[in-house]
Amino acid sequence: IYRMGWYRQAPGKQRDMVAIITNGEETNYA
């Protein structure tokens, strides 16, 4: 698995990225 992550969607809003992690353990956060 190359990339794993989480998104979230509140009522009436678009789905936004929360956090991502690659298979190299690189992370990115909102």
mmCIF file of all heavy atoms, coordinates in Angstrom:
data_MODEL
# 
_entry.id   MODEL 
# 
loop_
_atom_site.group_PDB 
_atom_site.id 
_atom_site.type_symbol 
_atom_site.label_atom_id 
_atom_site.label_alt_id 
_atom_site.label_comp_id 
_atom_site.label_asym_id 
_atom_site.label_entity_id 
_atom_site.label_seq_id 
_atom_site.pdbx_PDB_ins_code 
_atom_site.Cartn_x 
_atom_site.Cartn_y 
_atom_site.Cartn_z 
_atom_site.occupancy 
_atom_site.B_iso_or_equiv 
_atom_site.pdbx_formal_charge 
_atom_site.auth_seq_id 
_atom_site.auth_comp_id 
_atom_site.auth_asym_id 
_atom_site.auth_atom_id 
_atom_site.pdbx_PDB_model_num 
ATOM 1   N N   . ILE A 1 1  ? 0.858   -1.183 0.000  1.00 0.00 ? 1  ILE A N   1 
ATOM 2   C CA  . ILE A 1 1  ? 0.000   0.000  0.000  1.00 0.00 ? 1  ILE A CA  1 
ATOM 3   C C   . ILE A 1 1  ? 0.890   1.227  0.000  1.00 0.00 ? 1  ILE A C   1 
ATOM 4   O O   . ILE A 1 1  ? 1.663   1.437  0.929  1.00 0.00 ? 1  ILE A O   1 
ATOM 5   C CB  . ILE A 1 1  ? -0.931  0.010  1.219  1.00 0.00 ? 1  ILE A CB  1 
ATOM 6   C CG1 . ILE A 1 1  ? -1.840  -1.219 1.196  1.00 0.00 ? 1  ILE A CG1 1 
ATOM 7   C CG2 . ILE A 1 1  ? -1.765  1.291  1.237  1.00 0.00 ? 1  ILE A CG2 1 
ATOM 8   C CD1 . ILE A 1 1  ? -2.692  -1.371 2.440  1.00 0.00 ? 1  ILE A CD1 1 
ATOM 9   N N   . TYR A 1 2  ? 0.752   2.024  -1.027 1.00 0.00 ? 2  TYR A N   1 
ATOM 10  C CA  . TYR A 1 2  ? 1.615   3.203  -1.132 1.00 0.00 ? 2  TYR A CA  1 
ATOM 11  C C   . TYR A 1 2  ? 1.214   4.277  -0.122 1.00 0.00 ? 2  TYR A C   1 
ATOM 12  O O   . TYR A 1 2  ? 1.987   4.701  0.709  1.00 0.00 ? 2  TYR A O   1 
ATOM 13  C CB  . TYR A 1 2  ? 1.578   3.760  -2.546 1.00 0.00 ? 2  TYR A CB  1 
ATOM 14  C CG  . TYR A 1 2  ? 2.223   5.136  -2.667 1.00 0.00 ? 2  TYR A CG  1 
ATOM 15  C CD1 . TYR A 1 2  ? 3.532   5.343  -2.264 1.00 0.00 ? 2  TYR A CD1 1 
ATOM 16  C CD2 . TYR A 1 2  ? 1.510   6.218  -3.157 1.00 0.00 ? 2  TYR A CD2 1 
ATOM 17  C CE1 . TYR A 1 2  ? 4.122   6.594  -2.346 1.00 0.00 ? 2  TYR A CE1 1 
ATOM 18  C CE2 . TYR A 1 2  ? 2.088   7.465  -3.253 1.00 0.00 ? 2  TYR A CE2 1 
ATOM 19  C CZ  . TYR A 1 2  ? 3.400   7.652  -2.846 1.00 0.00 ? 2  TYR A CZ  1 
ATOM 20  O OH  . TYR A 1 2  ? 3.978   8.893  -2.921 1.00 0.00 ? 2  TYR A OH  1 
ATOM 21  N N   . ARG A 1 3  ? -0.009  4.705  -0.185 1.00 0.00 ? 3  ARG A N   1 
ATOM 22  C CA  . ARG A 1 3  ? -0.436  5.819  0.647  1.00 0.00 ? 3  ARG A CA  1 
ATOM 23  C C   . ARG A 1 3  ? -1.693  5.422  1.419  1.00 0.00 ? 3  ARG A C   1 
ATOM 24  O O   . ARG A 1 3  ? -2.589  4.784  0.873  1.00 0.00 ? 3  ARG A O   1 
ATOM 25  C CB  . ARG A 1 3  ? -0.693  7.053  -0.203 1.00 0.00 ? 3  ARG A CB  1 
ATOM 26  C CG  . ARG A 1 3  ? -1.021  8.314  0.595  1.00 0.00 ? 3  ARG A CG  1 
ATOM 27  C CD  . ARG A 1 3  ? -1.292  9.489  -0.339 1.00 0.00 ? 3  ARG A CD  1 
ATOM 28  N NE  . ARG A 1 3  ? -0.084  10.042 -0.914 1.00 0.00 ? 3  ARG A NE  1 
ATOM 29  C CZ  . ARG A 1 3  ? 0.117   10.162 -2.231 1.00 0.00 ? 3  ARG A CZ  1 
ATOM 30  N NH1 . ARG A 1 3  ? -0.793  9.752  -3.073 1.00 0.00 ? 3  ARG A NH1 1 
ATOM 31  N NH2 . ARG A 1 3  ? 1.241   10.700 -2.672 1.00 0.00 ? 3  ARG A NH2 1 
ATOM 32  N N   . MET A 1 4  ? -1.750  5.814  2.687  1.00 0.00 ? 4  MET A N   1 
ATOM 33  C CA  . MET A 1 4  ? -2.923  5.595  3.530  1.00 0.00 ? 4  MET A CA  1 
ATOM 34  C C   . MET A 1 4  ? -3.260  6.918  4.187  1.00 0.00 ? 4  MET A C   1 
ATOM 35  O O   . MET A 1 4  ? -2.365  7.738  4.443  1.00 0.00 ? 4  MET A O   1 
ATOM 36  C CB  . MET A 1 4  ? -2.652  4.532  4.602  1.00 0.00 ? 4  MET A CB  1 
ATOM 37  C CG  . MET A 1 4  ? -2.027  3.252  4.081  1.00 0.00 ? 4  MET A CG  1 
ATOM 38  S SD  . MET A 1 4  ? -1.716  2.029  5.372  1.00 0.00 ? 4  MET A SD  1 
ATOM 39  C CE  . MET A 1 4  ? -3.346  1.301  5.538  1.00 0.00 ? 4  MET A CE  1 
ATOM 40  N N   . GLY A 1 5  ? -4.535  7.110  4.456  1.00 0.00 ? 5  GLY A N   1 
ATOM 41  C CA  . GLY A 1 5  ? -4.873  8.378  5.069  1.00 0.00 ? 5  GLY A CA  1 
ATOM 42  C C   . GLY A 1 5  ? -6.300  8.491  5.533  1.00 0.00 ? 5  GLY A C   1 
ATOM 43  O O   . GLY A 1 5  ? -7.080  7.533  5.442  1.00 0.00 ? 5  GLY A O   1 
ATOM 44  N N   . TRP A 1 6  ? -6.609  9.676  6.018  1.00 0.00 ? 6  TRP A N   1 
ATOM 45  C CA  . TRP A 1 6  ? -7.932  9.985  6.541  1.00 0.00 ? 6  TRP A CA  1 
ATOM 46  C C   . TRP A 1 6  ? -8.410  11.308 5.971  1.00 0.00 ? 6  TRP A C   1 
ATOM 47  O O   . TRP A 1 6  ? -7.635  12.279 5.900  1.00 0.00 ? 6  TRP A O   1 
ATOM 48  C CB  . TRP A 1 6  ? -7.900  10.076 8.069  1.00 0.00 ? 6  TRP A CB  1 
ATOM 49  C CG  . TRP A 1 6  ? -7.578  8.792  8.739  1.00 0.00 ? 6  TRP A CG  1 
ATOM 50  C CD1 . TRP A 1 6  ? -6.330  8.325  9.075  1.00 0.00 ? 6  TRP A CD1 1 
ATOM 51  C CD2 . TRP A 1 6  ? -8.503  7.781  9.144  1.00 0.00 ? 6  TRP A CD2 1 
ATOM 52  N NE1 . TRP A 1 6  ? -6.430  7.093  9.668  1.00 0.00 ? 6  TRP A NE1 1 
ATOM 53  C CE2 . TRP A 1 6  ? -7.750  6.738  9.729  1.00 0.00 ? 6  TRP A CE2 1 
ATOM 54  C CE3 . TRP A 1 6  ? -9.885  7.660  9.079  1.00 0.00 ? 6  TRP A CE3 1 
ATOM 55  C CZ2 . TRP A 1 6  ? -8.355  5.575  10.241 1.00 0.00 ? 6  TRP A CZ2 1 
ATOM 56  C CZ3 . TRP A 1 6  ? -10.473 6.513  9.596  1.00 0.00 ? 6  TRP A CZ3 1 
ATOM 57  C CH2 . TRP A 1 6  ? -9.712  5.489  10.163 1.00 0.00 ? 6  TRP A CH2 1 
ATOM 58  N N   . TYR A 1 7  ? -9.681  11.314 5.595  1.00 0.00 ? 7  TYR A N   1 
ATOM 59  C CA  . TYR A 1 7  ? -10.401 12.526 5.223  1.00 0.00 ? 7  TYR A CA  1 
ATOM 60  C C   . TYR A 1 7  ? -11.592 12.647 6.159  1.00 0.00 ? 7  TYR A C   1 
ATOM 61  O O   . TYR A 1 7  ? -11.958 11.685 6.837  1.00 0.00 ? 7  TYR A O   1 
ATOM 62  C CB  . TYR A 1 7  ? -10.898 12.443 3.781  1.00 0.00 ? 7  TYR A CB  1 
ATOM 63  C CG  . TYR A 1 7  ? -9.870  12.803 2.738  1.00 0.00 ? 7  TYR A CG  1 
ATOM 64  C CD1 . TYR A 1 7  ? -8.699  12.064 2.575  1.00 0.00 ? 7  TYR A CD1 1 
ATOM 65  C CD2 . TYR A 1 7  ? -10.079 13.882 1.880  1.00 0.00 ? 7  TYR A CD2 1 
ATOM 66  C CE1 . TYR A 1 7  ? -7.764  12.402 1.610  1.00 0.00 ? 7  TYR A CE1 1 
ATOM 67  C CE2 . TYR A 1 7  ? -9.157  14.226 0.905  1.00 0.00 ? 7  TYR A CE2 1 
ATOM 68  C CZ  . TYR A 1 7  ? -8.000  13.485 0.770  1.00 0.00 ? 7  TYR A CZ  1 
ATOM 69  O OH  . TYR A 1 7  ? -7.077  13.824 -0.186 1.00 0.00 ? 7  TYR A OH  1 
ATOM 70  N N   . ARG A 1 8  ? -12.196 13.809 6.170  1.00 0.00 ? 8  ARG A N   1 
ATOM 71  C CA  . ARG A 1 8  ? -13.414 13.974 6.969  1.00 0.00 ? 8  ARG A CA  1 
ATOM 72  C C   . ARG A 1 8  ? -14.382 14.896 6.239  1.00 0.00 ? 8  ARG A C   1 
ATOM 73  O O   . ARG A 1 8  ? -13.982 15.750 5.447  1.00 0.00 ? 8  ARG A O   1 
ATOM 74  C CB  . ARG A 1 8  ? -13.113 14.520 8.358  1.00 0.00 ? 8  ARG A CB  1 
ATOM 75  C CG  . ARG A 1 8  ? -12.580 15.948 8.405  1.00 0.00 ? 8  ARG A CG  1 
ATOM 76  C CD  . ARG A 1 8  ? -12.186 16.309 9.837  1.00 0.00 ? 8  ARG A CD  1 
ATOM 77  N NE  . ARG A 1 8  ? -11.660 17.672 9.935  1.00 0.00 ? 8  ARG A NE  1 
ATOM 78  C CZ  . ARG A 1 8  ? -11.130 18.187 11.039 1.00 0.00 ? 8  ARG A CZ  1 
ATOM 79  N NH1 . ARG A 1 8  ? -11.045 17.456 12.152 1.00 0.00 ? 8  ARG A NH1 1 
ATOM 80  N NH2 . ARG A 1 8  ? -10.681 19.427 11.045 1.00 0.00 ? 8  ARG A NH2 1 
ATOM 81  N N   . GLN A 1 9  ? -15.657 14.696 6.563  1.00 0.00 ? 9  GLN A N   1 
ATOM 82  C CA  . GLN A 1 9  ? -16.704 15.495 5.936  1.00 0.00 ? 9  GLN A CA  1 
ATOM 83  C C   . GLN A 1 9  ? -17.742 15.862 6.975  1.00 0.00 ? 9  GLN A C   1 
ATOM 84  O O   . GLN A 1 9  ? -18.399 14.981 7.548  1.00 0.00 ? 9  GLN A O   1 
ATOM 85  C CB  . GLN A 1 9  ? -17.344 14.724 4.781  1.00 0.00 ? 9  GLN A CB  1 
ATOM 86  C CG  . GLN A 1 9  ? -18.328 15.541 3.970  1.00 0.00 ? 9  GLN A CG  1 
ATOM 87  C CD  . GLN A 1 9  ? -18.701 14.853 2.673  1.00 0.00 ? 9  GLN A CD  1 
ATOM 88  O OE1 . GLN A 1 9  ? -18.548 13.634 2.517  1.00 0.00 ? 9  GLN A OE1 1 
ATOM 89  N NE2 . GLN A 1 9  ? -19.185 15.624 1.714  1.00 0.00 ? 9  GLN A NE2 1 
ATOM 90  N N   . ALA A 1 10 ? -17.883 17.147 7.215  1.00 0.00 ? 10 ALA A N   1 
ATOM 91  C CA  . ALA A 1 10 ? -18.906 17.658 8.128  1.00 0.00 ? 10 ALA A CA  1 
ATOM 92  C C   . ALA A 1 10 ? -20.182 17.918 7.332  1.00 0.00 ? 10 ALA A C   1 
ATOM 93  O O   . ALA A 1 10 ? -20.130 18.098 6.105  1.00 0.00 ? 10 ALA A O   1 
ATOM 94  C CB  . ALA A 1 10 ? -18.410 18.930 8.800  1.00 0.00 ? 10 ALA A CB  1 
ATOM 95  N N   . PRO A 1 11 ? -21.332 17.963 7.992  1.00 0.00 ? 11 PRO A N   1 
ATOM 96  C CA  . PRO A 1 11 ? -22.600 18.188 7.283  1.00 0.00 ? 11 PRO A CA  1 
ATOM 97  C C   . PRO A 1 11 ? -22.568 19.473 6.468  1.00 0.00 ? 11 PRO A C   1 
ATOM 98  O O   . PRO A 1 11 ? -22.180 20.541 6.975  1.00 0.00 ? 11 PRO A O   1 
ATOM 99  C CB  . PRO A 1 11 ? -23.617 18.277 8.422  1.00 0.00 ? 11 PRO A CB  1 
ATOM 100 C CG  . PRO A 1 11 ? -23.026 17.476 9.515  1.00 0.00 ? 11 PRO A CG  1 
ATOM 101 C CD  . PRO A 1 11 ? -21.543 17.711 9.422  1.00 0.00 ? 11 PRO A CD  1 
ATOM 102 N N   . GLY A 1 12 ? -22.939 19.363 5.213  1.00 0.00 ? 12 GLY A N   1 
ATOM 103 C CA  . GLY A 1 12 ? -22.994 20.522 4.341  1.00 0.00 ? 12 GLY A CA  1 
ATOM 104 C C   . GLY A 1 12 ? -21.662 21.015 3.827  1.00 0.00 ? 12 GLY A C   1 
ATOM 105 O O   . GLY A 1 12 ? -21.597 22.058 3.174  1.00 0.00 ? 12 GLY A O   1 
ATOM 106 N N   . LYS A 1 13 ? -20.603 20.265 4.119  1.00 0.00 ? 13 LYS A N   1 
ATOM 107 C CA  . LYS A 1 13 ? -19.263 20.694 3.689  1.00 0.00 ? 13 LYS A CA  1 
ATOM 108 C C   . LYS A 1 13 ? -18.623 19.632 2.805  1.00 0.00 ? 13 LYS A C   1 
ATOM 109 O O   . LYS A 1 13 ? -19.072 18.492 2.744  1.00 0.00 ? 13 LYS A O   1 
ATOM 110 C CB  . LYS A 1 13 ? -18.383 20.980 4.905  1.00 0.00 ? 13 LYS A CB  1 
ATOM 111 C CG  . LYS A 1 13 ? -18.872 22.143 5.755  1.00 0.00 ? 13 LYS A CG  1 
ATOM 112 C CD  . LYS A 1 13 ? -17.873 22.506 6.816  1.00 0.00 ? 13 LYS A CD  1 
ATOM 113 C CE  . LYS A 1 13 ? -18.330 23.718 7.611  1.00 0.00 ? 13 LYS A CE  1 
ATOM 114 N NZ  . LYS A 1 13 ? -17.323 24.110 8.648  1.00 0.00 ? 13 LYS A NZ  1 
ATOM 115 N N   . GLN A 1 14 ? -17.543 20.012 2.136  1.00 0.00 ? 14 GLN A N   1 
ATOM 116 C CA  . GLN A 1 14 ? -16.838 19.076 1.282  1.00 0.00 ? 14 GLN A CA  1 
ATOM 117 C C   . GLN A 1 14 ? -15.953 18.166 2.120  1.00 0.00 ? 14 GLN A C   1 
ATOM 118 O O   . GLN A 1 14 ? -15.678 18.438 3.276  1.00 0.00 ? 14 GLN A O   1 
ATOM 119 C CB  . GLN A 1 14 ? -15.981 19.829 0.271  1.00 0.00 ? 14 GLN A CB  1 
ATOM 120 C CG  . GLN A 1 14 ? -14.828 20.614 0.882  1.00 0.00 ? 14 GLN A CG  1 
ATOM 121 C CD  . GLN A 1 14 ? -14.021 21.365 -0.164 1.00 0.00 ? 14 GLN A CD  1 
ATOM 122 O OE1 . GLN A 1 14 ? -14.485 21.645 -1.261 1.00 0.00 ? 14 GLN A OE1 1 
ATOM 123 N NE2 . GLN A 1 14 ? -12.787 21.705 0.169  1.00 0.00 ? 14 GLN A NE2 1 
ATOM 124 N N   . ARG A 1 15 ? -15.513 17.087 1.506  1.00 0.00 ? 15 ARG A N   1 
ATOM 125 C CA  . ARG A 1 15 ? -14.609 16.151 2.160  1.00 0.00 ? 15 ARG A CA  1 
ATOM 126 C C   . ARG A 1 15 ? -13.192 16.705 2.095  1.00 0.00 ? 15 ARG A C   1 
ATOM 127 O O   . ARG A 1 15 ? -12.685 17.004 1.009  1.00 0.00 ? 15 ARG A O   1 
ATOM 128 C CB  . ARG A 1 15 ? -14.684 14.778 1.489  1.00 0.00 ? 15 ARG A CB  1 
ATOM 129 C CG  . ARG A 1 15 ? -13.936 13.689 2.223  1.00 0.00 ? 15 ARG A CG  1 
ATOM 130 C CD  . ARG A 1 15 ? -14.111 12.344 1.543  1.00 0.00 ? 15 ARG A CD  1 
ATOM 131 N NE  . ARG A 1 15 ? -15.503 11.881 1.548  1.00 0.00 ? 15 ARG A NE  1 
ATOM 132 C CZ  . ARG A 1 15 ? -15.876 10.674 1.155  1.00 0.00 ? 15 ARG A CZ  1 
ATOM 133 N NH1 . ARG A 1 15 ? -14.970 9.781  0.744  1.00 0.00 ? 15 ARG A NH1 1 
ATOM 134 N NH2 . ARG A 1 15 ? -17.156 10.338 1.167  1.00 0.00 ? 15 ARG A NH2 1 
ATOM 135 N N   . ASP A 1 16 ? -12.572 16.848 3.232  1.00 0.00 ? 16 ASP A N   1 
ATOM 136 C CA  . ASP A 1 16 ? -11.242 17.448 3.317  1.00 0.00 ? 16 ASP A CA  1 
ATOM 137 C C   . ASP A 1 16 ? -10.220 16.466 3.876  1.00 0.00 ? 16 ASP A C   1 
ATOM 138 O O   . ASP A 1 16 ? -10.546 15.630 4.727  1.00 0.00 ? 16 ASP A O   1 
ATOM 139 C CB  . ASP A 1 16 ? -11.260 18.686 4.229  1.00 0.00 ? 16 ASP A CB  1 
ATOM 140 C CG  . ASP A 1 16 ? -12.042 19.836 3.642  1.00 0.00 ? 16 ASP A CG  1 
ATOM 141 O OD1 . ASP A 1 16 ? -12.013 20.008 2.412  1.00 0.00 ? 16 ASP A OD1 1 
ATOM 142 O OD2 . ASP A 1 16 ? -12.701 20.557 4.419  1.00 0.00 ? 16 ASP A OD2 1 
ATOM 143 N N   . MET A 1 17 ? -8.987  16.617 3.419  1.00 0.00 ? 17 MET A N   1 
ATOM 144 C CA  . MET A 1 17 ? -7.902  15.796 3.921  1.00 0.00 ? 17 MET A CA  1 
ATOM 145 C C   . MET A 1 17 ? -7.605  16.125 5.377  1.00 0.00 ? 17 MET A C   1 
ATOM 146 O O   . MET A 1 17 ? -7.566  17.309 5.754  1.00 0.00 ? 17 MET A O   1 
ATOM 147 C CB  . MET A 1 17 ? -6.640  16.013 3.079  1.00 0.00 ? 17 MET A CB  1 
ATOM 148 C CG  . MET A 1 17 ? -5.480  15.087 3.397  1.00 0.00 ? 17 MET A CG  1 
ATOM 149 S SD  . MET A 1 17 ? -4.392  15.682 4.736  1.00 0.00 ? 17 MET A SD  1 
ATOM 150 C CE  . MET A 1 17 ? -3.619  17.088 3.937  1.00 0.00 ? 17 MET A CE  1 
ATOM 151 N N   . VAL A 1 18 ? -7.388  15.090 6.172  1.00 0.00 ? 18 VAL A N   1 
ATOM 152 C CA  . VAL A 1 18 ? -7.001  15.264 7.572  1.00 0.00 ? 18 VAL A CA  1 
ATOM 153 C C   . VAL A 1 18 ? -5.524  14.917 7.750  1.00 0.00 ? 18 VAL A C   1 
ATOM 154 O O   . VAL A 1 18 ? -4.747  15.699 8.278  1.00 0.00 ? 18 VAL A O   1 
ATOM 155 C CB  . VAL A 1 18 ? -7.854  14.379 8.497  1.00 0.00 ? 18 VAL A CB  1 
ATOM 156 C CG1 . VAL A 1 18 ? -7.372  14.500 9.946  1.00 0.00 ? 18 VAL A CG1 1 
ATOM 157 C CG2 . VAL A 1 18 ? -9.319  14.738 8.380  1.00 0.00 ? 18 VAL A CG2 1 
ATOM 158 N N   . ALA A 1 19 ? -5.142  13.722 7.301  1.00 0.00 ? 19 ALA A N   1 
ATOM 159 C CA  . ALA A 1 19 ? -3.758  13.275 7.459  1.00 0.00 ? 19 ALA A CA  1 
ATOM 160 C C   . ALA A 1 19 ? -3.468  12.161 6.469  1.00 0.00 ? 19 ALA A C   1 
ATOM 161 O O   . ALA A 1 19 ? -4.358  11.371 6.136  1.00 0.00 ? 19 ALA A O   1 
ATOM 162 C CB  . ALA A 1 19 ? -3.504  12.778 8.881  1.00 0.00 ? 19 ALA A CB  1 
ATOM 163 N N   . ILE A 1 20 ? -2.233  12.123 6.005  1.00 0.00 ? 20 ILE A N   1 
ATOM 164 C CA  . ILE A 1 20 ? -1.785  11.122 5.034  1.00 0.00 ? 20 ILE A CA  1 
ATOM 165 C C   . ILE A 1 20 ? -0.429  10.599 5.472  1.00 0.00 ? 20 ILE A C   1 
ATOM 166 O O   . ILE A 1 20 ? 0.384   11.348 6.010  1.00 0.00 ? 20 ILE A O   1 
ATOM 167 C CB  . ILE A 1 20 ? -1.677  11.728 3.618  1.00 0.00 ? 20 ILE A CB  1 
ATOM 168 C CG1 . ILE A 1 20 ? -3.048  12.165 3.112  1.00 0.00 ? 20 ILE A CG1 1 
ATOM 169 C CG2 . ILE A 1 20 ? -1.061  10.723 2.656  1.00 0.00 ? 20 ILE A CG2 1 
ATOM 170 C CD1 . ILE A 1 20 ? -2.978  12.941 1.800  1.00 0.00 ? 20 ILE A CD1 1 
ATOM 171 N N   . ILE A 1 21 ? -0.193  9.314  5.210  1.00 0.00 ? 21 ILE A N   1 
ATOM 172 C CA  . ILE A 1 21 ? 1.119   8.722  5.477  1.00 0.00 ? 21 ILE A CA  1 
ATOM 173 C C   . ILE A 1 21 ? 1.478   7.808  4.313  1.00 0.00 ? 21 ILE A C   1 
ATOM 174 O O   . ILE A 1 21 ? 0.649   7.024  3.846  1.00 0.00 ? 21 ILE A O   1 
ATOM 175 C CB  . ILE A 1 21 ? 1.117   7.958  6.824  1.00 0.00 ? 21 ILE A CB  1 
ATOM 176 C CG1 . ILE A 1 21 ? 2.519   7.440  7.147  1.00 0.00 ? 21 ILE A CG1 1 
ATOM 177 C CG2 . ILE A 1 21 ? 0.090   6.828  6.842  1.00 0.00 ? 21 ILE A CG2 1 
ATOM 178 C CD1 . ILE A 1 21 ? 2.653   6.944  8.590  1.00 0.00 ? 21 ILE A CD1 1 
ATOM 179 N N   . THR A 1 22 ? 2.701   7.927  3.840  1.00 0.00 ? 22 THR A N   1 
ATOM 180 C CA  . THR A 1 22 ? 3.164   7.094  2.728  1.00 0.00 ? 22 THR A CA  1 
ATOM 181 C C   . THR A 1 22 ? 3.845   5.839  3.259  1.00 0.00 ? 22 THR A C   1 
ATOM 182 O O   . THR A 1 22 ? 4.084   5.695  4.463  1.00 0.00 ? 22 THR A O   1 
ATOM 183 C CB  . THR A 1 22 ? 4.144   7.853  1.844  1.00 0.00 ? 22 THR A CB  1 
ATOM 184 O OG1 . THR A 1 22 ? 5.374   8.040  2.583  1.00 0.00 ? 22 THR A OG1 1 
ATOM 185 C CG2 . THR A 1 22 ? 3.596   9.195  1.421  1.00 0.00 ? 22 THR A CG2 1 
ATOM 186 N N   . ASN A 1 23 ? 4.207   4.952  2.339  1.00 0.00 ? 23 ASN A N   1 
ATOM 187 C CA  . ASN A 1 23 ? 4.913   3.743  2.772  1.00 0.00 ? 23 ASN A CA  1 
ATOM 188 C C   . ASN A 1 23 ? 6.332   4.052  3.221  1.00 0.00 ? 23 ASN A C   1 
ATOM 189 O O   . ASN A 1 23 ? 6.994   3.201  3.804  1.00 0.00 ? 23 ASN A O   1 
ATOM 190 C CB  . ASN A 1 23 ? 4.901   2.672  1.678  1.00 0.00 ? 23 ASN A CB  1 
ATOM 191 C CG  . ASN A 1 23 ? 5.499   3.159  0.388  1.00 0.00 ? 23 ASN A CG  1 
ATOM 192 O OD1 . ASN A 1 23 ? 5.889   4.317  0.274  1.00 0.00 ? 23 ASN A OD1 1 
ATOM 193 N ND2 . ASN A 1 23 ? 5.544   2.302  -0.605 1.00 0.00 ? 23 ASN A ND2 1 
ATOM 194 N N   . GLY A 1 24 ? 6.792   5.269  2.957  1.00 0.00 ? 24 GLY A N   1 
ATOM 195 C CA  . GLY A 1 24 ? 8.072   5.714  3.478  1.00 0.00 ? 24 GLY A CA  1 
ATOM 196 C C   . GLY A 1 24 ? 7.938   6.472  4.779  1.00 0.00 ? 24 GLY A C   1 
ATOM 197 O O   . GLY A 1 24 ? 8.892   7.107  5.245  1.00 0.00 ? 24 GLY A O   1 
ATOM 198 N N   . GLU A 1 25 ? 6.749   6.415  5.374  1.00 0.00 ? 25 GLU A N   1 
ATOM 199 C CA  . GLU A 1 25 ? 6.455   7.057  6.661  1.00 0.00 ? 25 GLU A CA  1 
ATOM 200 C C   . GLU A 1 25 ? 6.460   8.590  6.584  1.00 0.00 ? 25 GLU A C   1 
ATOM 201 O O   . GLU A 1 25 ? 6.534   9.249  7.614  1.00 0.00 ? 25 GLU A O   1 
ATOM 202 C CB  . GLU A 1 25 ? 7.418   6.596  7.769  1.00 0.00 ? 25 GLU A CB  1 
ATOM 203 C CG  . GLU A 1 25 ? 7.460   5.088  7.981  1.00 0.00 ? 25 GLU A CG  1 
ATOM 204 C CD  . GLU A 1 25 ? 6.212   4.551  8.660  1.00 0.00 ? 25 GLU A CD  1 
ATOM 205 O OE1 . GLU A 1 25 ? 5.558   5.322  9.386  1.00 0.00 ? 25 GLU A OE1 1 
ATOM 206 O OE2 . GLU A 1 25 ? 5.878   3.372  8.459  1.00 0.00 ? 25 GLU A OE2 1 
ATOM 207 N N   . GLU A 1 26 ? 6.358   9.121  5.389  1.00 0.00 ? 26 GLU A N   1 
ATOM 208 C CA  . GLU A 1 26 ? 6.203   10.569 5.272  1.00 0.00 ? 26 GLU A CA  1 
ATOM 209 C C   . GLU A 1 26 ? 4.763   10.929 5.599  1.00 0.00 ? 26 GLU A C   1 
ATOM 210 O O   . GLU A 1 26 ? 3.842   10.256 5.132  1.00 0.00 ? 26 GLU A O   1 
ATOM 211 C CB  . GLU A 1 26 ? 6.559   11.028 3.866  1.00 0.00 ? 26 GLU A CB  1 
ATOM 212 C CG  . GLU A 1 26 ? 8.019   10.798 3.503  1.00 0.00 ? 26 GLU A CG  1 
ATOM 213 C CD  . GLU A 1 26 ? 8.311   11.152 2.049  1.00 0.00 ? 26 GLU A CD  1 
ATOM 214 O OE1 . GLU A 1 26 ? 7.352   11.250 1.263  1.00 0.00 ? 26 GLU A OE1 1 
ATOM 215 O OE2 . GLU A 1 26 ? 9.489   11.325 1.727  1.00 0.00 ? 26 GLU A OE2 1 
ATOM 216 N N   . THR A 1 27 ? 4.586   11.987 6.369  1.00 0.00 ? 27 THR A N   1 
ATOM 217 C CA  . THR A 1 27 ? 3.251   12.374 6.804  1.00 0.00 ? 27 THR A CA  1 
ATOM 218 C C   . THR A 1 27 ? 2.914   13.793 6.367  1.00 0.00 ? 27 THR A C   1 
ATOM 219 O O   . THR A 1 27 ? 3.800   14.630 6.158  1.00 0.00 ? 27 THR A O   1 
ATOM 220 C CB  . THR A 1 27 ? 3.102   12.278 8.328  1.00 0.00 ? 27 THR A CB  1 
ATOM 221 O OG1 . THR A 1 27 ? 4.075   13.132 8.953  1.00 0.00 ? 27 THR A OG1 1 
ATOM 222 C CG2 . THR A 1 27 ? 3.301   10.844 8.815  1.00 0.00 ? 27 THR A CG2 1 
ATOM 223 N N   . ASN A 1 28 ? 1.618   14.029 6.250  1.00 0.00 ? 28 ASN A N   1 
ATOM 224 C CA  . ASN A 1 28 ? 1.124   15.356 5.915  1.00 0.00 ? 28 ASN A CA  1 
ATOM 225 C C   . ASN A 1 28 ? -0.183  15.552 6.674  1.00 0.00 ? 28 ASN A C   1 
ATOM 226 O O   . ASN A 1 28 ? -1.030  14.637 6.695  1.00 0.00 ? 28 ASN A O   1 
ATOM 227 C CB  . ASN A 1 28 ? 0.890   15.482 4.409  1.00 0.00 ? 28 ASN A CB  1 
ATOM 228 C CG  . ASN A 1 28 ? 0.540   16.902 4.014  1.00 0.00 ? 28 ASN A CG  1 
ATOM 229 O OD1 . ASN A 1 28 ? 0.957   17.856 4.661  1.00 0.00 ? 28 ASN A OD1 1 
ATOM 230 N ND2 . ASN A 1 28 ? -0.229  17.046 2.944  1.00 0.00 ? 28 ASN A ND2 1 
ATOM 231 N N   . TYR A 1 29 ? -0.332  16.713 7.295  1.00 0.00 ? 29 TYR A N   1 
ATOM 232 C CA  . TYR A 1 29 ? -1.511  16.992 8.107  1.00 0.00 ? 29 TYR A CA  1 
ATOM 233 C C   . TYR A 1 29 ? -2.186  18.283 7.654  1.00 0.00 ? 29 TYR A C   1 
ATOM 234 O O   . TYR A 1 29 ? -1.523  19.225 7.208  1.00 0.00 ? 29 TYR A O   1 
ATOM 235 C CB  . TYR A 1 29 ? -1.135  17.164 9.587  1.00 0.00 ? 29 TYR A CB  1 
ATOM 236 C CG  . TYR A 1 29 ? -0.604  15.927 10.261 1.00 0.00 ? 29 TYR A CG  1 
ATOM 237 C CD1 . TYR A 1 29 ? 0.762   15.669 10.284 1.00 0.00 ? 29 TYR A CD1 1 
ATOM 238 C CD2 . TYR A 1 29 ? -1.464  15.020 10.872 1.00 0.00 ? 29 TYR A CD2 1 
ATOM 239 C CE1 . TYR A 1 29 ? 1.261   14.534 10.917 1.00 0.00 ? 29 TYR A CE1 1 
ATOM 240 C CE2 . TYR A 1 29 ? -0.977  13.889 11.506 1.00 0.00 ? 29 TYR A CE2 1 
ATOM 241 C CZ  . TYR A 1 29 ? 0.386   13.654 11.522 1.00 0.00 ? 29 TYR A CZ  1 
ATOM 242 O OH  . TYR A 1 29 ? 0.866   12.528 12.139 1.00 0.00 ? 29 TYR A OH  1 
ATOM 243 N N   . ALA A 1 30 ? -3.487  18.324 7.821  1.00 0.00 ? 30 ALA A N   1 
ATOM 244 C CA  . ALA A 1 30 ? -4.202  19.586 7.665  1.00 0.00 ? 30 ALA A CA  1 
ATOM 245 C C   . ALA A 1 30 ? -3.758  20.531 8.782  1.00 0.00 ? 30 ALA A C   1 
ATOM 246 O O   . ALA A 1 30 ? -3.495  20.098 9.911  1.00 0.00 ? 30 ALA A O   1 
ATOM 247 C CB  . ALA A 1 30 ? -5.709  19.350 7.747  1.00 0.00 ? 30 ALA A CB  1 
# 
